[in-house]
Amino acid sequence: MTDTQKEQMEAENEQAVSEENPQAEEAGEAFAESGEPEEVKTQDPGTEEEETAQEGGAAPEKKSFFKKKEKKDKKDEQIEDLTDRLKRSMAEFENFRKRTEKEKAAMYEVGAKSVIEKILPVVDNFERGMATLKEEEAHSPFAEGMDKIYKQLLTTLESLDVTVIEAVGQEFNPDFHNAVMHVEEEGAGENVVVEEFQKGYLYRGGVVRHSMVKVAN
């Protein structure tokens, strides 16, 4: 083999090596130029993951924790606010219910008194009619029937908590009695009712009609 052929074969081998490992060739050239081997840079896998996470926009673990805590606090505040509103609404409704019941009771009282006031003149007429009967007529079937109806009417009024105001012999009380006459009468105490012209009535303790009376001075 001649020297020319040897040189040609060596050149081909060098070309093949450079094609298989171009980085090694570049390193060799760098080494040839600088005289020092090129520093091989290595990257920590953890560092690479952190950089990848930062490049991808992922939030750090601590920030994510604070965000979750902040969301939880806002949710708790909303729950407390809704609970407070519910309690206020329930309290307002309870007050409304009590006020409505009180108003209904007051309206019932007013209505009942109005009806009783219209019935009382009927009772007065029964009493006047019975008072005009003669002694021989008092035991007639008609008079007895009227008396039974009168007593039934009084029993019905009593069942409705309607009571008669005591007047004759009682000390005059302007809350229950209406004095239409004052007289000087011996044997009667001062300011005492001596005669009743019209009966007074109470409904559940409240005056429906005052008694019309004569009072001794």
C-alpha atoms as a PDB file:
ATOM      1  CA  MET A   1       0.000   0.000   0.000  1.00  0.00           C
ATOM      2  CA  THR A   2       1.390   3.316  -0.992  1.00  0.00           C
ATOM      3  CA  ASP A   3       1.663   6.378   1.174  1.00  0.00           C
ATOM      4  CA  THR A   4      -1.016   8.131  -0.820  1.00  0.00           C
ATOM      5  CA  GLN A   5      -3.503   5.351  -0.183  1.00  0.00           C
ATOM      6  CA  LYS A   6      -2.742   5.373   3.554  1.00  0.00           C
ATOM      7  CA  GLU A   7      -3.354   9.108   3.760  1.00  0.00           C
ATOM      8  CA  GLN A   8      -6.619   8.718   1.870  1.00  0.00           C
ATOM      9  CA  MET A   9      -7.818   5.969   4.242  1.00  0.00           C
ATOM     10  CA  GLU A  10      -6.950   8.030   7.322  1.00  0.00           C
ATOM     11  CA  ALA A  11      -8.816  10.998   5.931  1.00  0.00           C
ATOM     12  CA  GLU A  12     -11.891   8.839   5.293  1.00  0.00           C
ATOM     13  CA  ASN A  13     -11.768   7.422   8.849  1.00  0.00           C
ATOM     14  CA  GLU A  14     -11.548  10.896  10.353  1.00  0.00           C
ATOM     15  CA  GLN A  15     -14.484  12.036   8.233  1.00  0.00           C
ATOM     16  CA  ALA A  16     -16.561   9.043   9.366  1.00  0.00           C
ATOM     17  CA  VAL A  17     -15.816   9.723  13.044  1.00  0.00           C
ATOM     18  CA  SER A  18     -16.719  13.357  12.697  1.00  0.00           C
ATOM     19  CA  GLU A  19     -20.043  12.460  11.060  1.00  0.00           C
ATOM     20  CA  GLU A  20     -20.919   9.939  13.795  1.00  0.00           C
ATOM     21  CA  ASN A  21     -20.123  12.343  16.705  1.00  0.00           C
ATOM     22  CA  PRO A  22     -20.242  15.951  15.582  1.00  0.00           C
ATOM     23  CA  GLN A  23     -20.308  17.153  19.217  1.00  0.00           C
ATOM     24  CA  ALA A  24     -17.039  15.368  19.926  1.00  0.00           C
ATOM     25  CA  GLU A  25     -15.557  17.002  16.853  1.00  0.00           C
ATOM     26  CA  GLU A  26     -16.743  20.413  18.020  1.00  0.00           C
ATOM     27  CA  ALA A  27     -15.305  19.725  21.465  1.00  0.00           C
ATOM     28  CA  GLY A  28     -12.078  18.634  19.887  1.00  0.00           C
ATOM     29  CA  GLU A  29     -11.943  21.757  17.801  1.00  0.00           C
ATOM     30  CA  ALA A  30     -12.698  23.879  20.872  1.00  0.00           C
ATOM     31  CA  PHE A  31     -10.013  22.052  22.763  1.00  0.00           C
ATOM     32  CA  ALA A  32      -7.632  22.570  19.889  1.00  0.00           C
ATOM     33  CA  GLU A  33      -8.372  26.304  19.812  1.00  0.00           C
ATOM     34  CA  SER A  34      -8.400  26.977  23.581  1.00  0.00           C
ATOM     35  CA  GLY A  35      -6.223  24.216  24.812  1.00  0.00           C
ATOM     36  CA  GLU A  36      -8.764  23.451  27.597  1.00  0.00           C
ATOM     37  CA  PRO A  37     -11.596  20.930  27.648  1.00  0.00           C
ATOM     38  CA  GLU A  38     -15.110  22.480  27.364  1.00  0.00           C
ATOM     39  CA  GLU A  39     -17.070  22.402  30.624  1.00  0.00           C
ATOM     40  CA  VAL A  40     -20.009  20.076  30.470  1.00  0.00           C
ATOM     41  CA  LYS A  41     -23.069  21.659  32.069  1.00  0.00           C
ATOM     42  CA  THR A  42     -25.359  19.428  34.062  1.00  0.00           C
ATOM     43  CA  GLN A  43     -28.856  20.442  35.289  1.00  0.00           C
ATOM     44  CA  ASP A  44     -30.443  19.327  38.509  1.00  0.00           C
ATOM     45  CA  PRO A  45     -33.721  17.476  37.843  1.00  0.00           C
ATOM     46  CA  GLY A  46     -35.414  19.353  40.692  1.00  0.00           C
ATOM     47  CA  THR A  47     -34.328  22.684  39.277  1.00  0.00           C
ATOM     48  CA  GLU A  48     -35.573  21.681  35.860  1.00  0.00           C
ATOM     49  CA  GLU A  49     -38.979  20.739  37.312  1.00  0.00           C
ATOM     50  CA  GLU A  50     -39.226  24.076  39.124  1.00  0.00           C
ATOM     51  CA  GLU A  51     -38.353  25.976  35.947  1.00  0.00           C
ATOM     52  CA  THR A  52     -40.902  23.919  34.001  1.00  0.00           C
ATOM     53  CA  ALA A  53     -43.540  24.633  36.636  1.00  0.00           C
ATOM     54  CA  GLN A  54     -42.774  28.356  36.524  1.00  0.00           C
ATOM     55  CA  GLU A  55     -42.813  28.401  32.731  1.00  0.00           C
ATOM     56  CA  GLY A  56     -46.179  26.564  32.733  1.00  0.00           C
ATOM     57  CA  GLY A  57     -47.689  29.160  35.113  1.00  0.00           C
ATOM     58  CA  ALA A  58     -48.315  26.748  38.033  1.00  0.00           C
ATOM     59  CA  ALA A  59     -48.665  28.519  41.376  1.00  0.00           C
ATOM     60  CA  PRO A  60     -46.390  27.520  44.246  1.00  0.00           C
ATOM     61  CA  GLU A  61     -47.860  25.285  46.922  1.00  0.00           C
ATOM     62  CA  LYS A  62     -47.926  28.032  49.590  1.00  0.00           C
ATOM     63  CA  LYS A  63     -49.851  30.461  47.408  1.00  0.00           C
ATOM     64  CA  SER A  64     -52.412  27.763  46.600  1.00  0.00           C
ATOM     65  CA  PHE A  65     -52.904  27.108  50.334  1.00  0.00           C
ATOM     66  CA  PHE A  66     -53.529  30.777  51.095  1.00  0.00           C
ATOM     67  CA  LYS A  67     -55.994  31.049  48.219  1.00  0.00           C
ATOM     68  CA  LYS A  68     -57.946  28.055  49.522  1.00  0.00           C
ATOM     69  CA  LYS A  69     -57.974  29.554  53.019  1.00  0.00           C
ATOM     70  CA  GLU A  70     -59.161  32.895  51.661  1.00  0.00           C
ATOM     71  CA  LYS A  71     -61.978  31.188  49.727  1.00  0.00           C
ATOM     72  CA  LYS A  72     -62.966  29.259  52.848  1.00  0.00           C
ATOM     73  CA  ASP A  73     -63.086  32.463  54.939  1.00  0.00           C
ATOM     74  CA  LYS A  74     -65.328  34.164  52.358  1.00  0.00           C
ATOM     75  CA  LYS A  75     -67.626  31.146  52.336  1.00  0.00           C
ATOM     76  CA  ASP A  76     -67.868  31.209  56.164  1.00  0.00           C
ATOM     77  CA  GLU A  77     -68.706  34.926  56.057  1.00  0.00           C
ATOM     78  CA  GLN A  78     -71.470  34.274  53.516  1.00  0.00           C
ATOM     79  CA  ILE A  79     -72.895  31.499  55.691  1.00  0.00           C
ATOM     80  CA  GLU A  80     -72.866  33.744  58.779  1.00  0.00           C
ATOM     81  CA  ASP A  81     -74.521  36.563  56.827  1.00  0.00           C
ATOM     82  CA  LEU A  82     -77.269  34.273  55.513  1.00  0.00           C
ATOM     83  CA  THR A  83     -77.797  32.783  58.977  1.00  0.00           C
ATOM     84  CA  ASP A  84     -78.123  36.267  60.489  1.00  0.00           C
ATOM     85  CA  ARG A  85     -80.632  37.263  57.812  1.00  0.00           C
ATOM     86  CA  LEU A  86     -82.657  34.122  58.459  1.00  0.00           C
ATOM     87  CA  LYS A  87     -82.774  34.779  62.201  1.00  0.00           C
ATOM     88  CA  ARG A  88     -83.870  38.376  61.617  1.00  0.00           C
ATOM     89  CA  SER A  89     -86.606  37.266  59.219  1.00  0.00           C
ATOM     90  CA  MET A  90     -87.873  34.669  61.698  1.00  0.00           C
ATOM     91  CA  ALA A  91     -87.933  37.252  64.517  1.00  0.00           C
ATOM     92  CA  GLU A  92     -89.800  39.752  62.334  1.00  0.00           C
ATOM     93  CA  PHE A  93     -92.319  37.086  61.336  1.00  0.00           C
ATOM     94  CA  GLU A  94     -92.865  36.098  64.981  1.00  0.00           C
ATOM     95  CA  ASN A  95     -93.469  39.744  65.927  1.00  0.00           C
ATOM     96  CA  PHE A  96     -95.862  40.109  62.994  1.00  0.00           C
ATOM     97  CA  ARG A  97     -97.747  36.964  64.048  1.00  0.00           C
ATOM     98  CA  LYS A  98     -98.130  38.169  67.654  1.00  0.00           C
ATOM     99  CA  ARG A  99     -99.185  41.638  66.545  1.00  0.00           C
ATOM    100  CA  THR A 100    -101.744  40.149  64.134  1.00  0.00           C
ATOM    101  CA  GLU A 101    -103.188  37.890  66.830  1.00  0.00           C
ATOM    102  CA  LYS A 102    -103.465  40.862  69.198  1.00  0.00           C
ATOM    103  CA  GLU A 103    -105.221  42.932  66.544  1.00  0.00           C
ATOM    104  CA  LYS A 104    -107.599  40.072  65.783  1.00  0.00           C
ATOM    105  CA  ALA A 105    -108.437  39.707  69.482  1.00  0.00           C
ATOM    106  CA  ALA A 106    -109.066  43.462  69.768  1.00  0.00           C
ATOM    107  CA  MET A 107    -111.304  43.390  66.678  1.00  0.00           C
ATOM    108  CA  TYR A 108    -113.206  40.442  68.150  1.00  0.00           C
ATOM    109  CA  GLU A 109    -113.708  42.330  71.409  1.00  0.00           C
ATOM    110  CA  VAL A 110    -115.025  45.385  69.585  1.00  0.00           C
ATOM    111  CA  GLY A 111    -117.345  43.273  67.425  1.00  0.00           C
ATOM    112  CA  ALA A 112    -118.666  41.305  70.402  1.00  0.00           C
ATOM    113  CA  LYS A 113    -119.357  44.481  72.389  1.00  0.00           C
ATOM    114  CA  SER A 114    -121.216  45.948  69.431  1.00  0.00           C
ATOM    115  CA  VAL A 115    -123.477  42.874  69.185  1.00  0.00           C
ATOM    116  CA  ILE A 116    -124.097  42.799  72.951  1.00  0.00           C
ATOM    117  CA  GLU A 117    -125.041  46.477  72.975  1.00  0.00           C
ATOM    118  CA  LYS A 118    -127.726  45.728  70.369  1.00  0.00           C
ATOM    119  CA  ILE A 119    -129.090  42.775  72.377  1.00  0.00           C
ATOM    120  CA  LEU A 120    -129.309  44.621  75.701  1.00  0.00           C
ATOM    121  CA  PRO A 121    -132.357  46.748  74.678  1.00  0.00           C
ATOM    122  CA  VAL A 122    -134.213  43.485  73.967  1.00  0.00           C
ATOM    123  CA  VAL A 123    -133.400  42.332  77.507  1.00  0.00           C
ATOM    124  CA  ASP A 124    -134.642  45.695  78.834  1.00  0.00           C
ATOM    125  CA  ASN A 125    -137.952  45.284  76.966  1.00  0.00           C
ATOM    126  CA  PHE A 126    -138.427  41.793  78.419  1.00  0.00           C
ATOM    127  CA  GLU A 127    -137.935  43.190  81.917  1.00  0.00           C
ATOM    128  CA  ARG A 128    -140.308  46.097  81.342  1.00  0.00           C
ATOM    129  CA  GLY A 129    -142.941  43.769  79.892  1.00  0.00           C
ATOM    130  CA  MET A 130    -142.664  41.340  82.812  1.00  0.00           C
ATOM    131  CA  ALA A 131    -142.916  44.251  85.284  1.00  0.00           C
ATOM    132  CA  THR A 132    -146.251  45.428  83.843  1.00  0.00           C
ATOM    133  CA  LEU A 133    -148.005  42.069  84.280  1.00  0.00           C
ATOM    134  CA  LYS A 134    -150.754  41.947  86.830  1.00  0.00           C
ATOM    135  CA  GLU A 135    -150.614  39.395  89.597  1.00  0.00           C
ATOM    136  CA  GLU A 136    -153.322  37.188  88.076  1.00  0.00           C
ATOM    137  CA  GLU A 137    -151.560  37.334  84.684  1.00  0.00           C
ATOM    138  CA  ALA A 138    -148.129  36.389  86.050  1.00  0.00           C
ATOM    139  CA  HIS A 139    -148.983  32.657  86.091  1.00  0.00           C
ATOM    140  CA  SER A 140    -150.603  32.491  82.670  1.00  0.00           C
ATOM    141  CA  PRO A 141    -149.007  30.222  80.042  1.00  0.00           C
ATOM    142  CA  PHE A 142    -148.087  33.273  77.967  1.00  0.00           C
ATOM    143  CA  ALA A 143    -146.317  35.003  80.878  1.00  0.00           C
ATOM    144  CA  GLU A 144    -144.503  31.813  81.850  1.00  0.00           C
ATOM    145  CA  GLY A 145    -143.347  31.323  78.264  1.00  0.00           C
ATOM    146  CA  MET A 146    -142.017  34.893  78.111  1.00  0.00           C
ATOM    147  CA  ASP A 147    -140.228  34.383  81.421  1.00  0.00           C
ATOM    148  CA  LYS A 148    -138.514  31.238  80.132  1.00  0.00           C
ATOM    149  CA  ILE A 149    -137.326  33.038  76.995  1.00  0.00           C
ATOM    150  CA  TYR A 150    -136.030  35.904  79.135  1.00  0.00           C
ATOM    151  CA  LYS A 151    -134.079  33.540  81.399  1.00  0.00           C
ATOM    152  CA  GLN A 152    -132.669  31.688  78.387  1.00  0.00           C
ATOM    153  CA  LEU A 153    -131.452  34.999  76.949  1.00  0.00           C
ATOM    154  CA  LEU A 154    -129.726  35.876  80.223  1.00  0.00           C
ATOM    155  CA  THR A 155    -128.082  32.433  80.377  1.00  0.00           C
ATOM    156  CA  THR A 156    -126.758  32.897  76.841  1.00  0.00           C
ATOM    157  CA  LEU A 157    -125.278  36.277  77.739  1.00  0.00           C
ATOM    158  CA  GLU A 158    -123.629  34.808  80.838  1.00  0.00           C
ATOM    159  CA  SER A 159    -122.041  32.075  78.699  1.00  0.00           C
ATOM    160  CA  LEU A 160    -120.494  34.899  76.644  1.00  0.00           C
ATOM    161  CA  ASP A 161    -118.941  36.400  79.825  1.00  0.00           C
ATOM    162  CA  VAL A 162    -121.580  39.141  80.037  1.00  0.00           C
ATOM    163  CA  THR A 163    -122.368  40.032  83.660  1.00  0.00           C
ATOM    164  CA  VAL A 164    -124.672  42.542  85.364  1.00  0.00           C
ATOM    165  CA  ILE A 165    -123.128  45.508  87.191  1.00  0.00           C
ATOM    166  CA  GLU A 166    -124.125  45.631  90.848  1.00  0.00           C
ATOM    167  CA  ALA A 167    -125.609  49.016  91.621  1.00  0.00           C
ATOM    168  CA  VAL A 168    -128.241  49.393  94.394  1.00  0.00           C
ATOM    169  CA  GLY A 169    -126.595  49.593  97.809  1.00  0.00           C
ATOM    170  CA  GLN A 170    -123.108  49.984  96.299  1.00  0.00           C
ATOM    171  CA  GLU A 171    -120.930  53.056  96.614  1.00  0.00           C
ATOM    172  CA  PHE A 172    -121.104  55.203  93.515  1.00  0.00           C
ATOM    173  CA  ASN A 173    -118.299  54.416  91.092  1.00  0.00           C
ATOM    174  CA  PRO A 174    -118.055  56.571  87.954  1.00  0.00           C
ATOM    175  CA  ASP A 175    -116.259  53.729  86.178  1.00  0.00           C
ATOM    176  CA  PHE A 176    -119.441  51.605  86.340  1.00  0.00           C
ATOM    177  CA  HIS A 177    -122.293  53.949  87.257  1.00  0.00           C
ATOM    178  CA  ASN A 178    -123.859  56.908  85.519  1.00  0.00           C
ATOM    179  CA  ALA A 179    -125.552  59.186  88.065  1.00  0.00           C
ATOM    180  CA  VAL A 180    -128.634  60.832  86.550  1.00  0.00           C
ATOM    181  CA  MET A 181    -130.084  62.052  89.861  1.00  0.00           C
ATOM    182  CA  HIS A 182    -128.894  63.056  93.310  1.00  0.00           C
ATOM    183  CA  VAL A 183    -131.299  63.004  96.270  1.00  0.00           C
ATOM    184  CA  GLU A 184    -131.297  63.658  99.979  1.00  0.00           C
ATOM    185  CA  GLU A 185    -132.442  60.410 101.551  1.00  0.00           C
ATOM    186  CA  GLU A 186    -132.415  59.570 105.224  1.00  0.00           C
ATOM    187  CA  GLY A 187    -130.967  56.251 106.196  1.00  0.00           C
ATOM    188  CA  ALA A 188    -128.803  56.042 103.079  1.00  0.00           C
ATOM    189  CA  GLY A 189    -125.085  56.522 103.259  1.00  0.00           C
ATOM    190  CA  GLU A 190    -123.412  59.380 101.491  1.00  0.00           C
ATOM    191  CA  ASN A 191    -122.553  58.738  97.844  1.00  0.00           C
ATOM    192  CA  VAL A 192    -124.457  55.429  97.797  1.00  0.00           C
ATOM    193  CA  VAL A 193    -126.671  54.226  94.926  1.00  0.00           C
ATOM    194  CA  VAL A 194    -130.292  54.096  96.144  1.00  0.00           C
ATOM    195  CA  GLU A 195    -132.092  53.311  92.898  1.00  0.00           C
ATOM    196  CA  GLU A 196    -131.284  51.879  89.458  1.00  0.00           C
ATOM    197  CA  PHE A 197    -133.133  53.080  86.352  1.00  0.00           C
ATOM    198  CA  GLN A 198    -131.313  50.941  83.825  1.00  0.00           C
ATOM    199  CA  LYS A 199    -129.032  47.965  84.350  1.00  0.00           C
ATOM    200  CA  GLY A 200    -125.408  48.118  83.348  1.00  0.00           C
ATOM    201  CA  TYR A 201    -123.419  45.238  81.901  1.00  0.00           C
ATOM    202  CA  LEU A 202    -119.790  44.116  81.687  1.00  0.00           C
ATOM    203  CA  TYR A 203    -118.169  42.054  78.969  1.00  0.00           C
ATOM    204  CA  ARG A 204    -115.019  40.247  80.120  1.00  0.00           C
ATOM    205  CA  GLY A 205    -114.467  42.884  82.773  1.00  0.00           C
ATOM    206  CA  GLY A 206    -114.979  45.830  80.425  1.00  0.00           C
ATOM    207  CA  VAL A 207    -118.010  48.079  80.587  1.00  0.00           C
ATOM    208  CA  VAL A 208    -120.500  47.573  77.770  1.00  0.00           C
ATOM    209  CA  ARG A 209    -123.099  49.860  79.274  1.00  0.00           C
ATOM    210  CA  HIS A 210    -123.014  51.934  82.461  1.00  0.00           C
ATOM    211  CA  SER A 211    -125.784  51.642  85.033  1.00  0.00           C
ATOM    212  CA  MET A 212    -128.150  54.613  85.170  1.00  0.00           C
ATOM    213  CA  VAL A 213    -128.628  55.272  88.906  1.00  0.00           C
ATOM    214  CA  LYS A 214    -129.884  57.649  91.602  1.00  0.00           C
ATOM    215  CA  VAL A 215    -127.284  58.581  94.189  1.00  0.00           C
ATOM    216  CA  ALA A 216    -127.813  59.821  97.769  1.00  0.00           C
ATOM    217  CA  ASN A 217    -125.909  62.922  98.780  1.00  0.00           C
END
